[in-house]
Amino acid sequence: MKSNNRERASVETVIGEGSTLEGTIVVAHGIRIDGSLSGRLEVGGNVRIGRTGQVVADIVCEKDVVVAGRVEGNLKCEGEIRLESSAILVGDVYANAMVMEEGAVLTGLIGVGEDNTKASEVEDGMRRAANA
């Protein structure tokens, strides 16, 4: 998700600033969150959490995730997770690749590499951690 044009083209769902959603959200394509979301998020495309985005949810994503806002929950991504300088992430991260800009805050475990993105294993680990 390095190009703004490519990012805009891949986002079909937007949770705008001032909007609040609760529950399990399943999106086939990309999503941008500038508002608030709590529950669970499953995305078939890219995820972009803007500076004003506030997410309290476990996130499972088939492509890339960029976080500029705040996330409380575990994040599983088959692509790259990028934490921008304004990002705050409290939870465990599982991804094929990860980039963390200076100033970003991460509190949790990190699993990077192809073995860490196998959905069934990660989902089982997330469930075990939640029940502990």
C-alpha atoms as a PDB file:
ATOM      1  CA  MET A   1       0.000   0.000   0.000  1.00  0.00           C
ATOM      2  CA  LYS A   2       2.701   2.440  -0.960  1.00  0.00           C
ATOM      3  CA  SER A   3       0.766   4.456  -3.520  1.00  0.00           C
ATOM      4  CA  ASN A   4      -2.104   6.758  -2.535  1.00  0.00           C
ATOM      5  CA  ASN A   5      -3.845   6.081  -5.865  1.00  0.00           C
ATOM      6  CA  ARG A   6      -3.613   2.331  -5.370  1.00  0.00           C
ATOM      7  CA  GLU A   7      -4.845   2.714  -1.780  1.00  0.00           C
ATOM      8  CA  ARG A   8      -7.872   4.757  -2.863  1.00  0.00           C
ATOM      9  CA  ALA A   9      -8.706   2.250  -5.587  1.00  0.00           C
ATOM     10  CA  SER A  10      -8.619  -0.670  -3.151  1.00  0.00           C
ATOM     11  CA  VAL A  11     -10.875   0.950  -0.505  1.00  0.00           C
ATOM     12  CA  GLU A  12     -14.556   0.242  -1.026  1.00  0.00           C
ATOM     13  CA  THR A  13     -15.755   0.629   2.569  1.00  0.00           C
ATOM     14  CA  VAL A  14     -15.173   3.730   4.700  1.00  0.00           C
ATOM     15  CA  ILE A  15     -16.049   4.241   8.345  1.00  0.00           C
ATOM     16  CA  GLY A  16     -15.867   8.010   8.495  1.00  0.00           C
ATOM     17  CA  GLU A  17     -14.760  10.248  11.327  1.00  0.00           C
ATOM     18  CA  GLY A  18     -17.619  10.582  13.817  1.00  0.00           C
ATOM     19  CA  SER A  19     -19.089   7.179  12.884  1.00  0.00           C
ATOM     20  CA  THR A  20     -19.230   4.246  15.318  1.00  0.00           C
ATOM     21  CA  LEU A  21     -19.765   0.577  14.445  1.00  0.00           C
ATOM     22  CA  GLU A  22     -20.029  -2.386  16.812  1.00  0.00           C
ATOM     23  CA  GLY A  23     -20.088  -6.118  16.082  1.00  0.00           C
ATOM     24  CA  THR A  24     -18.477  -8.464  13.592  1.00  0.00           C
ATOM     25  CA  ILE A  25     -17.693  -6.634  10.363  1.00  0.00           C
ATOM     26  CA  VAL A  26     -16.847  -8.707   7.268  1.00  0.00           C
ATOM     27  CA  VAL A  27     -15.603  -6.823   4.198  1.00  0.00           C
ATOM     28  CA  ALA A  28     -14.728  -8.516   0.895  1.00  0.00           C
ATOM     29  CA  HIS A  29     -12.460  -5.686  -0.283  1.00  0.00           C
ATOM     30  CA  GLY A  30     -10.536  -2.824   1.331  1.00  0.00           C
ATOM     31  CA  ILE A  31     -11.648  -0.707   4.283  1.00  0.00           C
ATOM     32  CA  ARG A  32     -10.584   2.645   5.704  1.00  0.00           C
ATOM     33  CA  ILE A  33     -11.449   3.493   9.306  1.00  0.00           C
ATOM     34  CA  ASP A  34     -11.410   7.106  10.476  1.00  0.00           C
ATOM     35  CA  GLY A  35     -14.176   6.595  13.064  1.00  0.00           C
ATOM     36  CA  SER A  36     -14.638   3.972  15.780  1.00  0.00           C
ATOM     37  CA  LEU A  37     -15.086   0.226  15.492  1.00  0.00           C
ATOM     38  CA  SER A  38     -15.437  -2.371  18.232  1.00  0.00           C
ATOM     39  CA  GLY A  39     -15.912  -6.122  17.890  1.00  0.00           C
ATOM     40  CA  ARG A  40     -14.176  -8.114  15.156  1.00  0.00           C
ATOM     41  CA  LEU A  41     -13.023  -7.159  11.652  1.00  0.00           C
ATOM     42  CA  GLU A  42     -12.423  -9.634   8.787  1.00  0.00           C
ATOM     43  CA  VAL A  43     -11.168  -8.098   5.536  1.00  0.00           C
ATOM     44  CA  GLY A  44     -10.456  -9.664   2.148  1.00  0.00           C
ATOM     45  CA  GLY A  45      -8.436  -6.634   0.993  1.00  0.00           C
ATOM     46  CA  ASN A  46      -6.343  -3.906   2.608  1.00  0.00           C
ATOM     47  CA  VAL A  47      -7.039  -2.158   5.918  1.00  0.00           C
ATOM     48  CA  ARG A  48      -6.195   1.495   6.583  1.00  0.00           C
ATOM     49  CA  ILE A  49      -6.777   2.935  10.052  1.00  0.00           C
ATOM     50  CA  GLY A  50      -6.432   6.709   9.830  1.00  0.00           C
ATOM     51  CA  ARG A  51      -5.102   9.055  12.522  1.00  0.00           C
ATOM     52  CA  THR A  52      -8.603   9.546  13.944  1.00  0.00           C
ATOM     53  CA  GLY A  53      -9.426   5.824  13.751  1.00  0.00           C
ATOM     54  CA  GLN A  54     -10.106   4.000  17.033  1.00  0.00           C
ATOM     55  CA  VAL A  55     -10.436   0.208  16.812  1.00  0.00           C
ATOM     56  CA  VAL A  56     -11.120  -2.174  19.701  1.00  0.00           C
ATOM     57  CA  ALA A  57     -11.274  -5.453  17.794  1.00  0.00           C
ATOM     58  CA  ASP A  58      -9.331  -8.436  16.563  1.00  0.00           C
ATOM     59  CA  ILE A  59      -8.479  -7.888  12.895  1.00  0.00           C
ATOM     60  CA  VAL A  60      -7.901 -10.602  10.284  1.00  0.00           C
ATOM     61  CA  CYS A  61      -6.756  -9.267   6.908  1.00  0.00           C
ATOM     62  CA  GLU A  62      -5.828 -11.056   3.669  1.00  0.00           C
ATOM     63  CA  LYS A  63      -3.612  -8.233   2.369  1.00  0.00           C
ATOM     64  CA  ASP A  64      -1.853  -5.238   3.991  1.00  0.00           C
ATOM     65  CA  VAL A  65      -2.668  -3.173   7.080  1.00  0.00           C
ATOM     66  CA  VAL A  66      -1.598   0.429   7.712  1.00  0.00           C
ATOM     67  CA  VAL A  67      -2.240   1.879  11.168  1.00  0.00           C
ATOM     68  CA  ALA A  68      -2.003   5.608  11.891  1.00  0.00           C
ATOM     69  CA  GLY A  69      -4.601   5.626  14.712  1.00  0.00           C
ATOM     70  CA  ARG A  70      -5.207   3.398  17.735  1.00  0.00           C
ATOM     71  CA  VAL A  71      -5.893  -0.352  17.774  1.00  0.00           C
ATOM     72  CA  GLU A  72      -6.617  -2.494  20.833  1.00  0.00           C
ATOM     73  CA  GLY A  73      -6.778  -6.128  19.759  1.00  0.00           C
ATOM     74  CA  ASN A  74      -4.837  -8.815  17.953  1.00  0.00           C
ATOM     75  CA  LEU A  75      -3.928  -8.268  14.326  1.00  0.00           C
ATOM     76  CA  LYS A  76      -3.378 -11.100  11.812  1.00  0.00           C
ATOM     77  CA  CYS A  77      -2.295 -10.106   8.330  1.00  0.00           C
ATOM     78  CA  GLU A  78      -1.198 -12.213   5.361  1.00  0.00           C
ATOM     79  CA  GLY A  79       0.685  -9.237   3.898  1.00  0.00           C
ATOM     80  CA  GLU A  80       2.546  -6.347   5.532  1.00  0.00           C
ATOM     81  CA  ILE A  81       1.634  -4.440   8.670  1.00  0.00           C
ATOM     82  CA  ARG A  82       2.833  -0.834   8.707  1.00  0.00           C
ATOM     83  CA  LEU A  83       2.659   1.206  11.903  1.00  0.00           C
ATOM     84  CA  GLU A  84       2.981   4.902  11.081  1.00  0.00           C
ATOM     85  CA  SER A  85       4.565   7.317  13.563  1.00  0.00           C
ATOM     86  CA  SER A  86       1.187   8.207  15.134  1.00  0.00           C
ATOM     87  CA  ALA A  87       0.103   4.560  15.584  1.00  0.00           C
ATOM     88  CA  ILE A  88      -0.684   2.960  18.938  1.00  0.00           C
ATOM     89  CA  LEU A  89      -1.246  -0.802  18.874  1.00  0.00           C
ATOM     90  CA  VAL A  90      -2.040  -2.789  22.014  1.00  0.00           C
ATOM     91  CA  GLY A  91      -2.241  -6.456  21.080  1.00  0.00           C
ATOM     92  CA  ASP A  92      -0.390  -9.271  19.379  1.00  0.00           C
ATOM     93  CA  VAL A  93       0.704  -8.977  15.751  1.00  0.00           C
ATOM     94  CA  TYR A  94       1.079 -11.799  13.224  1.00  0.00           C
ATOM     95  CA  ALA A  95       2.167 -10.863   9.697  1.00  0.00           C
ATOM     96  CA  ASN A  96       4.322 -11.848   6.766  1.00  0.00           C
ATOM     97  CA  ALA A  97       6.225  -8.535   7.073  1.00  0.00           C
ATOM     98  CA  MET A  98       6.191  -5.542   9.399  1.00  0.00           C
ATOM     99  CA  VAL A  99       7.378  -1.930   9.247  1.00  0.00           C
ATOM    100  CA  MET A 100       7.295   0.305  12.305  1.00  0.00           C
ATOM    101  CA  GLU A 101       8.021   4.014  11.938  1.00  0.00           C
ATOM    102  CA  GLU A 102       9.810   5.960  14.653  1.00  0.00           C
ATOM    103  CA  GLY A 103       7.277   7.158  17.221  1.00  0.00           C
ATOM    104  CA  ALA A 104       4.850   4.261  16.752  1.00  0.00           C
ATOM    105  CA  VAL A 105       3.910   2.365  19.922  1.00  0.00           C
ATOM    106  CA  LEU A 106       3.394  -1.412  20.052  1.00  0.00           C
ATOM    107  CA  THR A 107       2.574  -3.320  23.231  1.00  0.00           C
ATOM    108  CA  GLY A 108       2.244  -7.047  22.569  1.00  0.00           C
ATOM    109  CA  LEU A 109       3.870 -10.035  20.926  1.00  0.00           C
ATOM    110  CA  ILE A 110       5.152  -9.995  17.355  1.00  0.00           C
ATOM    111  CA  GLY A 111       5.231 -12.959  14.973  1.00  0.00           C
ATOM    112  CA  VAL A 112       6.664 -12.123  11.552  1.00  0.00           C
ATOM    113  CA  GLY A 113       7.178 -14.499   8.645  1.00  0.00           C
ATOM    114  CA  GLU A 114       5.096 -16.761   6.464  1.00  0.00           C
ATOM    115  CA  ASP A 115       4.610 -19.367   9.218  1.00  0.00           C
ATOM    116  CA  ASN A 116       2.953 -16.728  11.405  1.00  0.00           C
ATOM    117  CA  THR A 117       0.225 -15.927   8.874  1.00  0.00           C
ATOM    118  CA  LYS A 118      -1.415 -19.339   8.615  1.00  0.00           C
ATOM    119  CA  ALA A 119      -4.992 -18.428   9.466  1.00  0.00           C
ATOM    120  CA  SER A 120      -6.023 -21.549  11.361  1.00  0.00           C
ATOM    121  CA  GLU A 121      -2.964 -21.572  13.616  1.00  0.00           C
ATOM    122  CA  VAL A 122      -3.167 -17.855  14.348  1.00  0.00           C
ATOM    123  CA  GLU A 123      -6.916 -18.008  15.001  1.00  0.00           C
ATOM    124  CA  ASP A 124      -6.361 -20.893  17.448  1.00  0.00           C
ATOM    125  CA  GLY A 125      -3.610 -18.927  19.198  1.00  0.00           C
ATOM    126  CA  MET A 126      -5.811 -15.844  19.446  1.00  0.00           C
ATOM    127  CA  ARG A 127      -8.642 -17.908  20.971  1.00  0.00           C
ATOM    128  CA  ARG A 128      -6.279 -19.533  23.483  1.00  0.00           C
ATOM    129  CA  ALA A 129      -4.899 -16.126  24.501  1.00  0.00           C
ATOM    130  CA  ALA A 130      -8.405 -14.695  24.917  1.00  0.00           C
ATOM    131  CA  ASN A 131      -9.446 -17.599  27.139  1.00  0.00           C
ATOM    132  CA  ALA A 132      -6.316 -17.477  29.326  1.00  0.00           C
END
